[in-house]
Protein backbone atom coordinates (compact mmCIF):
# COMPACT_ATOMS: atom_id res chain seq x y z
CA MET A 1 -32.11 0.34 -32.45
CA PHE A 2 -30.73 -2.31 -29.30
CA LYS A 3 -28.03 -3.97 -28.90
CA ARG A 4 -28.23 -7.74 -28.50
CA ALA A 5 -26.62 -9.69 -25.37
CA ASP A 6 -23.98 -11.42 -28.25
CA GLY A 7 -23.25 -7.64 -29.51
CA ILE A 8 -25.55 -7.23 -32.68
CA VAL A 9 -27.18 -4.59 -33.47
CA ASP A 10 -30.78 -4.86 -34.46
CA PHE A 11 -33.72 -3.00 -34.94
CA ASP A 12 -37.66 -2.96 -33.91
CA LYS A 13 -39.50 -2.32 -36.80
CA SER A 14 -42.54 -1.42 -35.30
CA ILE A 15 -41.71 1.51 -32.95
CA CYS A 16 -39.38 3.32 -35.95
CA ILE A 17 -40.86 6.57 -36.44
CA GLY A 18 -38.89 6.60 -39.44
CA CYS A 19 -37.40 10.40 -37.98
CA LYS A 20 -33.89 9.39 -39.72
CA ALA A 21 -31.86 10.38 -36.39
CA CYS A 22 -30.07 6.99 -36.61
CA MET A 23 -29.34 7.52 -40.37
CA ALA A 24 -27.68 11.19 -39.78
CA ALA A 25 -25.75 9.73 -36.68
CA CYS A 26 -24.18 6.74 -38.54
CA PRO A 27 -20.53 7.50 -39.43
CA TYR A 28 -20.71 4.72 -42.04
CA ASP A 29 -24.00 6.10 -44.22
CA ALA A 30 -24.80 1.86 -43.28
CA ILE A 31 -28.55 3.00 -42.46
CA PHE A 32 -30.98 3.37 -44.90
CA ILE A 33 -34.93 3.71 -44.96
CA ASN A 34 -36.43 0.33 -46.56
CA PRO A 35 -38.64 1.79 -49.12
CA GLU A 36 -41.29 -1.11 -48.77
CA ASP A 37 -41.78 -0.70 -45.27
CA HIS A 38 -40.45 3.01 -44.27
CA SER A 39 -38.47 1.77 -41.33
CA ALA A 40 -34.76 2.18 -40.89
CA GLU A 41 -32.79 -0.76 -41.54
CA LYS A 42 -29.24 -2.09 -41.58
CA CYS A 43 -27.02 -5.30 -41.99
CA ASN A 44 -27.93 -6.92 -38.96
CA PHE A 45 -25.65 -9.86 -39.35
CA CYS A 46 -28.28 -12.00 -40.46
CA ALA A 47 -29.23 -12.34 -37.01
CA HIS A 48 -32.32 -14.28 -37.53
CA ARG A 49 -29.38 -17.36 -39.34
CA ILE A 50 -27.09 -16.39 -36.04
CA ASP A 51 -30.04 -17.89 -33.75
CA VAL A 52 -30.12 -21.08 -35.84
CA GLY A 53 -26.21 -21.84 -36.41
CA LEU A 54 -25.85 -20.38 -39.72
CA GLU A 55 -23.35 -17.72 -41.18
CA PRO A 56 -24.66 -14.31 -42.78
CA ALA A 57 -25.92 -15.14 -46.13
CA CYS A 58 -22.86 -12.81 -47.40
CA VAL A 59 -20.67 -15.51 -46.05
CA VAL A 60 -21.79 -18.13 -47.55
CA VAL A 61 -22.19 -16.67 -50.84
CA CYS A 62 -18.60 -15.44 -51.17
CA PRO A 63 -16.95 -17.59 -53.66
CA THR A 64 -13.68 -16.66 -52.37
CA GLN A 65 -13.87 -16.39 -48.73
CA ALA A 66 -13.59 -12.84 -48.79
CA ILE A 67 -15.86 -12.37 -46.04
CA LEU A 68 -15.55 -14.13 -42.42
CA ILE A 69 -16.84 -13.96 -38.85
CA GLY A 70 -16.11 -15.00 -35.32
CA ASP A 71 -15.88 -14.40 -31.70
CA MET A 72 -13.16 -11.81 -31.07
CA ASN A 73 -13.12 -13.21 -27.23
CA ASP A 74 -12.53 -16.34 -28.67
CA THR A 75 -8.56 -16.23 -29.17
CA GLY A 76 -9.18 -20.08 -30.50
CA SER A 77 -11.45 -18.54 -33.30
CA TYR A 78 -9.78 -17.61 -36.91
CA VAL A 79 -10.97 -14.52 -37.27
CA SER A 80 -9.46 -13.47 -33.31
CA GLN A 81 -6.18 -14.76 -34.85
CA ILE A 82 -6.34 -12.52 -37.83
CA ILE A 83 -7.32 -9.14 -35.61
CA ASN A 84 -4.09 -10.28 -33.28
CA ARG A 85 -1.60 -11.03 -35.46
CA GLU A 86 -1.97 -9.39 -38.36
CA PRO A 87 -2.26 -5.51 -39.66
CA VAL A 88 -5.89 -4.80 -40.07
CA ALA A 89 -7.51 -1.33 -40.47
CA VAL A 90 -11.33 0.14 -39.62
CA ARG A 91 -13.32 2.67 -40.68
CA ARG A 92 -13.13 5.84 -38.69
CA PRO A 93 -12.21 5.54 -35.43
CA GLU A 94 -12.17 9.14 -34.52
CA LYS A 95 -15.82 9.00 -34.21
CA GLU A 96 -15.38 6.29 -31.13
CA THR A 97 -18.19 3.96 -32.18
CA LEU A 98 -16.00 0.89 -31.42
CA PRO A 99 -15.98 -0.50 -35.05
CA LYS A 100 -15.76 -4.36 -35.22
CA LEU A 101 -15.52 -4.61 -39.08
CA PHE A 102 -11.88 -5.19 -39.81
CA TYR A 103 -10.19 -4.87 -43.31
CA LYS A 104 -7.05 -6.95 -43.80
CA GLY A 105 -4.65 -5.84 -46.79
CA ALA A 106 -7.19 -2.63 -47.41
CA HIS A 107 -4.97 0.46 -47.99
CA GLN A 108 -6.50 3.33 -46.27
CA ALA A 109 -7.15 5.21 -49.67
CA THR A 110 -9.88 2.64 -50.36
CA LEU A 111 -11.53 3.21 -46.77
CA ASP A 112 -11.79 6.49 -47.14
CA PRO A 113 -14.23 8.27 -49.15
CA LEU A 114 -12.85 12.00 -49.38
CA ALA A 115 -9.56 10.02 -50.64
CA ALA A 116 -11.32 8.29 -53.51
CA ARG A 117 -11.25 10.18 -57.21
CA ARG A 118 -13.97 10.46 -59.32
CA PRO A 119 -13.23 8.80 -62.86
CA ASP A 120 -13.00 11.58 -66.02
CA GLY A 121 -16.74 12.61 -67.39
CA GLY A 122 -18.12 11.00 -64.66
CA LEU A 123 -17.78 7.58 -66.43
CA PHE A 124 -17.98 4.25 -63.64
CA MET A 125 -17.36 0.73 -64.58
CA TRP A 126 -20.50 -0.85 -63.23
CA SER A 127 -22.98 2.38 -62.88
CA GLU A 128 -24.60 5.92 -63.90
CA GLN A 129 -24.00 8.13 -61.45
CA GLN A 130 -26.79 10.32 -59.68
CA GLU A 131 -25.65 13.15 -58.50
CA SER A 132 -27.78 16.18 -57.32
CA SER A 133 -28.19 18.47 -54.27
CA SER A 134 -30.32 15.48 -52.84
CA GLN A 135 -27.93 12.89 -53.57
CA VAL A 136 -24.41 12.30 -52.07
CA VAL A 137 -21.68 10.64 -54.22
CA SER A 138 -18.03 9.60 -53.41
CA GLY A 139 -15.20 11.97 -53.84
CA ASN A 140 -14.73 15.32 -54.57
CA ALA A 141 -13.64 17.32 -57.76
CA ASN A 142 -11.76 19.98 -55.36
CA TYR A 143 -10.34 17.79 -52.51
CA ASN A 144 -8.31 14.31 -52.33
CA ASN A 145 -7.19 13.45 -48.91
CA SER A 146 -4.33 11.17 -50.51
CA SER A 147 -1.95 11.45 -53.37
CA ALA A 148 -2.60 7.51 -53.97
CA ALA A 149 -6.62 8.40 -54.39
CA ALA A 150 -8.22 5.51 -54.97
CA LEU A 151 -10.46 5.53 -58.68
CA LEU A 152 -13.73 4.63 -58.36
CA SER A 153 -14.97 2.03 -60.34
CA TYR A 154 -18.34 1.77 -58.77
CA ASP A 155 -20.32 4.07 -56.73
CA VAL A 156 -23.70 4.51 -55.38
CA ALA A 157 -25.45 7.54 -54.58
CA HIS A 158 -26.91 7.97 -51.01
CA ALA A 159 -29.84 9.82 -50.10
CA ILE A 160 -29.47 13.02 -48.01
CA PRO A 161 -31.36 12.28 -44.71
CA TRP A 162 -32.78 15.51 -43.29
CA ASP A 163 -34.56 17.07 -46.30
CA TRP A 164 -35.78 21.04 -46.61
CA LYS A 165 -38.53 20.27 -44.16
CA VAL A 166 -35.41 20.02 -41.32
CA SER A 167 -33.79 23.39 -42.68
CA LEU A 168 -37.28 24.90 -42.77
CA TYR A 169 -37.90 23.79 -39.04
CA THR A 170 -34.66 25.34 -37.97
CA TRP A 171 -36.37 28.62 -38.90
CA THR A 172 -39.70 28.51 -37.53
CA LYS A 173 -38.50 27.24 -34.68
CA GLY A 174 -36.42 30.25 -34.36
CA ILE A 175 -39.03 32.62 -34.45
CA ALA A 176 -41.47 30.31 -32.30
CA SER A 177 -38.80 30.84 -29.49
CA GLY A 178 -37.59 34.51 -30.22
CA VAL A 179 -40.70 36.07 -30.50
CA TYR A 180 -41.34 35.03 -26.63
CA LEU A 181 -37.68 35.10 -25.32
CA VAL A 182 -37.46 38.94 -27.17
CA ALA A 183 -40.86 40.19 -25.57
CA ALA A 184 -40.15 38.37 -22.50
CA LEU A 185 -36.60 40.19 -22.16
CA MET A 186 -38.40 43.25 -23.16
CA VAL A 187 -40.90 43.37 -20.62
CA LEU A 188 -38.25 42.47 -17.75
CA PHE A 189 -35.77 45.30 -18.62
CA GLY A 190 -38.97 47.61 -18.84
CA PHE A 191 -38.33 48.34 -22.69
CA LEU A 192 -42.41 46.79 -23.08
CA SER A 193 -45.60 47.25 -21.03
CA PRO A 194 -46.94 44.33 -19.63
CA ASN A 195 -50.31 45.29 -20.35
CA ASN A 196 -49.18 46.11 -23.81
CA TYR A 197 -50.89 44.23 -26.57
CA LEU A 198 -47.60 42.92 -27.88
CA TRP A 199 -47.00 40.91 -25.03
CA LEU A 200 -50.17 40.21 -23.88
CA TRP A 201 -51.49 39.18 -27.94
CA ALA A 202 -49.04 39.26 -30.35
CA THR A 203 -46.48 37.29 -28.60
CA PRO A 204 -48.58 34.14 -27.37
CA VAL A 205 -50.32 34.09 -30.70
CA VAL A 206 -47.32 34.24 -33.18
CA SER A 207 -44.98 32.35 -31.23
CA GLY A 208 -47.87 29.38 -30.71
CA ALA A 209 -48.19 29.55 -34.58
CA PHE A 210 -45.16 28.96 -35.64
CA LEU A 211 -44.27 26.21 -32.62
CA ALA A 212 -47.34 24.36 -34.38
CA LEU A 213 -46.15 25.11 -37.88
CA THR A 214 -42.83 23.30 -36.31
CA GLY A 215 -44.19 20.22 -35.21
CA ALA A 216 -46.28 19.88 -38.29
CA LEU A 217 -42.67 19.94 -40.34
CA LEU A 218 -41.27 17.56 -37.91
CA ILE A 219 -44.25 15.00 -38.00
CA TRP A 220 -44.78 15.28 -42.20
CA ASP A 221 -40.57 14.74 -41.79
CA LEU A 222 -40.83 11.27 -40.31
CA GLU A 223 -41.38 8.31 -42.49
CA HIS A 224 -44.16 7.11 -39.95
CA PRO A 225 -45.82 10.39 -38.84
CA GLU A 226 -48.91 8.07 -37.56
CA ARG A 227 -46.38 6.78 -34.91
CA PHE A 228 -45.29 10.30 -33.59
CA TYR A 229 -46.69 9.69 -29.92
CA LEU A 230 -44.32 6.99 -29.58
CA ILE A 231 -41.52 9.92 -28.70
CA PHE A 232 -44.00 10.18 -25.97
CA THR A 233 -44.88 6.95 -24.98
CA ARG A 234 -41.65 5.47 -25.66
CA PRO A 235 -38.91 7.75 -24.94
CA GLN A 236 -35.50 7.11 -25.53
CA TRP A 237 -34.01 9.81 -23.03
CA ARG A 238 -30.27 9.65 -24.96
CA SER A 239 -31.88 10.96 -27.80
CA TRP A 240 -31.79 15.35 -28.38
CA LEU A 241 -34.54 14.89 -30.38
CA VAL A 242 -36.84 13.39 -27.40
CA LYS A 243 -35.29 15.74 -25.42
CA GLY A 244 -36.55 18.41 -27.62
CA ALA A 245 -39.97 16.96 -28.19
CA PHE A 246 -40.67 17.23 -24.50
CA ILE A 247 -39.41 20.79 -24.13
CA ILE A 248 -41.37 21.84 -27.21
CA ALA A 249 -44.53 20.35 -25.28
CA GLY A 250 -43.47 22.09 -22.14
CA TYR A 251 -43.00 25.37 -24.10
CA SER A 252 -46.63 24.79 -25.84
CA ILE A 253 -47.88 24.72 -22.18
CA VAL A 254 -46.52 27.75 -21.27
CA LEU A 255 -48.03 29.64 -24.36
CA ALA A 256 -51.39 28.37 -24.16
CA LEU A 257 -51.41 29.66 -20.37
CA HIS A 258 -50.53 32.85 -21.42
CA PHE A 259 -53.01 32.93 -24.13
CA VAL A 260 -55.37 32.03 -21.39
CA GLY A 261 -54.55 34.52 -18.82
CA SER A 262 -54.55 37.33 -21.59
CA ILE A 263 -58.61 36.00 -22.56
CA ALA A 264 -59.17 36.17 -18.73
CA SER A 265 -57.90 39.94 -18.56
CA SER A 266 -55.17 38.89 -16.27
CA THR A 267 -51.72 40.49 -16.61
CA ALA A 268 -50.32 38.77 -13.53
CA ILE A 269 -50.39 35.20 -14.65
CA GLN A 270 -48.09 36.19 -17.77
CA GLY A 271 -45.35 37.49 -15.33
CA TRP A 272 -45.40 34.22 -13.07
CA LEU A 273 -45.05 32.54 -16.45
CA MET A 274 -41.80 33.97 -17.49
CA ILE A 275 -40.02 31.81 -14.71
CA ALA A 276 -40.93 28.57 -16.97
CA GLY A 277 -41.42 30.36 -20.45
CA ILE A 278 -38.13 32.68 -20.13
CA PRO A 279 -35.93 29.13 -20.40
CA LEU A 280 -38.31 26.99 -22.09
CA SER A 281 -37.74 29.20 -25.14
CA LEU A 282 -34.09 29.26 -24.79
CA LEU A 283 -33.79 25.83 -24.64
CA THR A 284 -36.56 25.55 -27.37
CA ALA A 285 -33.79 27.91 -29.36
CA VAL A 286 -30.62 26.10 -29.26
CA TYR A 287 -31.86 21.91 -28.65
CA THR A 288 -31.04 21.52 -32.13
CA ALA A 289 -27.32 22.08 -31.65
CA TYR A 290 -27.02 19.39 -29.45
CA LEU A 291 -29.62 17.56 -31.80
CA PHE A 292 -27.42 18.04 -34.57
CA ALA A 293 -23.91 17.49 -32.36
CA GLN A 294 -25.21 13.97 -32.13
CA ALA A 295 -25.02 13.21 -35.75
CA LYS A 296 -21.31 12.61 -35.19
CA ALA A 297 -20.94 11.51 -38.74
CA ARG A 298 -21.43 15.14 -39.52
CA ASP A 299 -18.34 17.22 -38.81
CA LEU A 300 -19.72 20.69 -39.58
CA TRP A 301 -22.05 20.14 -36.84
CA GLN A 302 -19.82 19.35 -34.37
CA ASN A 303 -19.14 23.38 -33.32
CA PRO A 304 -18.95 24.32 -30.08
CA LEU A 305 -20.77 27.84 -31.45
CA LEU A 306 -23.92 26.00 -32.61
CA PRO A 307 -25.48 26.85 -29.26
CA PRO A 308 -25.24 30.18 -29.31
CA HIS A 309 -25.41 30.79 -32.51
CA LEU A 310 -29.10 29.51 -32.57
CA PHE A 311 -29.35 31.94 -29.71
CA VAL A 312 -28.74 34.96 -31.72
CA GLN A 313 -30.79 33.76 -35.25
CA SER A 314 -33.72 32.92 -32.52
CA ILE A 315 -33.37 36.72 -30.86
CA LEU A 316 -32.94 38.13 -34.94
CA LEU A 317 -35.67 36.29 -36.21
CA GLY A 318 -38.33 37.27 -32.95
CA SER A 319 -37.12 41.02 -32.95
CA ILE A 320 -37.55 41.20 -37.02
CA VAL A 321 -41.21 39.47 -36.53
CA LEU A 322 -42.11 41.39 -33.56
CA MET A 323 -40.85 45.05 -35.47
CA PRO A 324 -44.41 45.26 -37.41
CA PHE A 325 -46.58 44.98 -34.51
CA SER A 326 -44.79 47.53 -33.09
CA MET A 327 -45.17 49.84 -35.82
CA ILE A 328 -49.14 49.72 -35.17
CA ASP A 329 -48.62 50.06 -31.43
CA SER A 330 -46.47 53.36 -32.49
CA LEU A 331 -49.84 54.48 -34.56
CA ASN A 332 -51.17 55.26 -31.34
CA LEU A 333 -48.79 57.57 -30.19
CA PRO A 334 -48.81 61.85 -30.74
CA ALA A 335 -47.15 62.44 -34.20
CA THR A 336 -44.54 64.37 -32.84
CA ASP A 337 -43.45 61.17 -31.17
CA PHE A 338 -44.17 58.67 -33.35
CA PHE A 339 -41.52 55.83 -32.71
CA SER A 340 -42.25 54.26 -29.19
CA PRO A 341 -39.12 53.26 -27.46
CA THR A 342 -40.18 49.49 -28.01
CA PHE A 343 -39.76 50.04 -31.69
CA ILE A 344 -36.71 51.60 -31.09
CA ALA A 345 -35.32 48.90 -28.90
CA LEU A 346 -36.09 46.37 -31.45
CA ILE A 347 -34.40 48.35 -34.20
CA TRP A 348 -31.27 48.15 -32.00
CA ILE A 349 -31.65 44.68 -31.32
CA VAL A 350 -32.11 44.03 -35.24
CA ALA A 351 -28.83 45.43 -36.01
CA VAL A 352 -27.05 43.71 -33.04
CA ALA A 353 -28.39 40.64 -33.46
CA THR A 354 -27.52 40.35 -37.71
CA LEU A 355 -24.07 41.82 -36.56
CA LEU A 356 -23.62 38.81 -33.99
CA HIS A 357 -24.87 36.52 -36.61
CA VAL A 358 -22.33 37.61 -39.80
CA LEU A 359 -19.47 37.57 -37.18
CA ILE A 360 -20.19 34.01 -35.89
CA VAL A 361 -20.52 33.13 -39.78
CA ALA A 362 -17.73 34.31 -40.84
CA GLY A 363 -15.73 32.82 -37.81
CA GLU A 364 -17.16 29.13 -38.67
CA VAL A 365 -16.31 29.38 -42.74
CA SER A 366 -13.08 31.18 -42.28
CA LEU A 367 -11.43 29.20 -39.55
CA THR A 368 -9.22 26.56 -40.34
CA HIS A 369 -10.97 22.96 -39.94
CA ALA A 370 -10.83 20.20 -37.70
CA THR A 371 -11.25 17.81 -40.60
CA ALA A 372 -11.46 17.36 -44.41
CA HIS A 373 -15.18 16.48 -43.80
CA ALA A 374 -15.69 19.93 -42.43
CA ARG A 375 -13.31 21.24 -44.90
CA VAL A 376 -15.42 19.97 -47.48
CA ALA A 377 -19.10 20.76 -46.16
CA ILE A 378 -17.77 24.27 -45.51
CA TRP A 379 -16.81 24.30 -49.51
CA GLU A 380 -20.20 22.92 -50.57
CA MET A 381 -21.78 25.38 -48.92
CA MET A 382 -19.66 28.40 -49.93
CA ARG A 383 -18.73 27.26 -53.51
CA GLY A 384 -20.56 23.97 -53.85
CA ARG A 385 -24.18 22.88 -54.91
CA PHE A 386 -25.50 25.41 -51.56
CA LYS A 387 -23.64 28.66 -52.76
CA HIS A 388 -26.46 30.53 -54.08
CA ALA A 389 -28.48 30.10 -50.65
CA PHE A 390 -25.54 30.76 -48.61
CA TRP A 391 -24.46 34.34 -50.12
CA PHE A 392 -27.84 35.01 -51.01
CA GLY A 393 -29.11 34.41 -47.18
CA LEU A 394 -26.09 35.97 -45.90
CA ALA A 395 -26.65 39.46 -48.18
CA LEU A 396 -30.37 39.45 -47.41
CA SER A 397 -29.45 39.47 -43.69
CA ILE A 398 -27.53 42.13 -43.78
CA ILE A 399 -29.39 44.00 -46.02
CA GLY A 400 -32.79 43.59 -43.41
CA GLY A 401 -31.07 43.98 -40.75
CA GLY A 402 -29.55 47.31 -41.06
CA LEU A 403 -32.62 48.92 -43.71
CA PRO A 404 -35.17 49.43 -40.34
CA PHE A 405 -32.65 51.97 -39.77
CA ALA A 406 -34.61 54.19 -42.39
CA ILE A 407 -37.50 54.25 -41.05
CA LEU A 408 -35.83 56.35 -38.04
CA TYR A 409 -35.02 59.28 -41.01
CA GLY A 410 -38.66 59.16 -43.06
CA PHE A 411 -38.33 56.12 -44.91
CA LEU A 412 -41.31 53.86 -43.81
CA SER A 413 -41.49 51.71 -46.93
CA LEU A 414 -37.25 51.44 -47.25
CA GLY A 415 -37.54 50.54 -43.74
CA VAL A 416 -40.55 47.77 -43.48
CA LEU A 417 -38.88 46.06 -46.90
CA GLY A 418 -35.97 45.05 -44.04
CA VAL A 419 -38.46 42.79 -42.58
CA PRO A 420 -39.06 40.04 -45.24
CA LEU A 421 -35.37 40.12 -46.56
CA ALA A 422 -33.45 39.30 -43.28
CA LEU A 423 -36.74 36.43 -42.61
CA VAL A 424 -36.03 35.34 -45.75
CA GLY A 425 -32.16 35.85 -45.60
CA LEU A 426 -31.91 33.22 -42.53
CA MET A 427 -34.27 30.83 -43.98
CA LEU A 428 -31.54 30.43 -47.00
CA TYR A 429 -28.85 30.57 -44.80
CA GLU A 430 -30.71 27.48 -42.73
CA HIS A 431 -31.13 25.79 -45.63
CA ALA A 432 -27.26 26.17 -47.18
CA TYR A 433 -25.99 25.08 -43.76
CA VAL A 434 -27.91 22.10 -42.58
CA GLN A 435 -27.78 20.78 -46.07
CA ALA A 436 -23.93 21.09 -46.33
CA GLY A 437 -23.48 19.49 -43.36
CA GLN A 438 -24.47 16.42 -44.98
CA SER A 439 -23.06 16.18 -48.57
CA VAL A 440 -19.70 15.17 -47.63
CA PRO A 441 -19.75 11.31 -48.92
CA LEU A 442 -19.30 8.79 -45.74
CA ALA A 443 -19.24 5.75 -47.64
């Protein structure tokens, strides 16, 4: 996307990778993927007509002159006179997009999708309404912002921009960053020997595998996956999607060098790599919070607790994944000392991280929400279309976080069951959170 000298926002489709970040960010749901060329598109004011002195097509074909265009900076233009002399309204000014589409004589209830009321039985005047977990429709059966709610007579369902692949990516990325971060911190604080295979081999292999899976999911989600290299060759540095790609690339290099050092039977290089590896793994874990925050249209994601929450989730995921490997290490200990300090430390890290995760989630869903948009998103997550993923995910996380303690009391099979339960629980929660944030109508 770029802004022309005359102020029109247009697209260069030849370099669009189809990441759908612009769709997630638009507060008006005005951007869509063209099904023919698979590139992002929106109204561009018929720029090709403007360039030759013509008006946009919608202005020309409107028989009642309900659509007008003009230069706001020209005090003599008809549009400028209307804006300056008569009451007009814009949509969602709080999003600070400086909207230049003005509505004259429109009630606010007709401009706010959450103020609209769906007709009884879903019987629309001119449309057959689509409604599924991947579709967003106007209105809400449980919440109305206005007692003068507009009755919907026509509506077109909009597709959720980021589907399950983005939900899964947040989970795989949490494992990729958490395994290294937990292992490195345990080495620093003396809970894990620098010569232990858990640090030398399991950490770079597991982190690298899940980081590769993360990259594959990100590329798979693109509408133009063959153009993914443009992120690096034509970066838009204001985008956290680009910053995240470079962070992941740097983290990949650290993991690769870590693995090469292990092959070369070196234990010193891994220690030096931690200087870059710890901050890069931390950034890999939390940068998604800033990517989501750039989607200003999604009020659920405008949460200052999201970076620390993603950090806690990465620690939880990393310690859970490392636990089975530390149990293998315990097999080399004498029968009288079966549980290694590493294994016991991981059990406590899982328990504490699970508690923090649950407390942060409880805070997010129980506090008064700043906007109706955020409130509806929380309702969709807890009581709406994503309630099963949310509640099952939370329950499995709690059970999975506590079950490993059973191993210390001799219930090995029961304790080991906590590993898959906790992993699946966090996966389900991530899916509910990512999808619920996109489930509120914007148009």
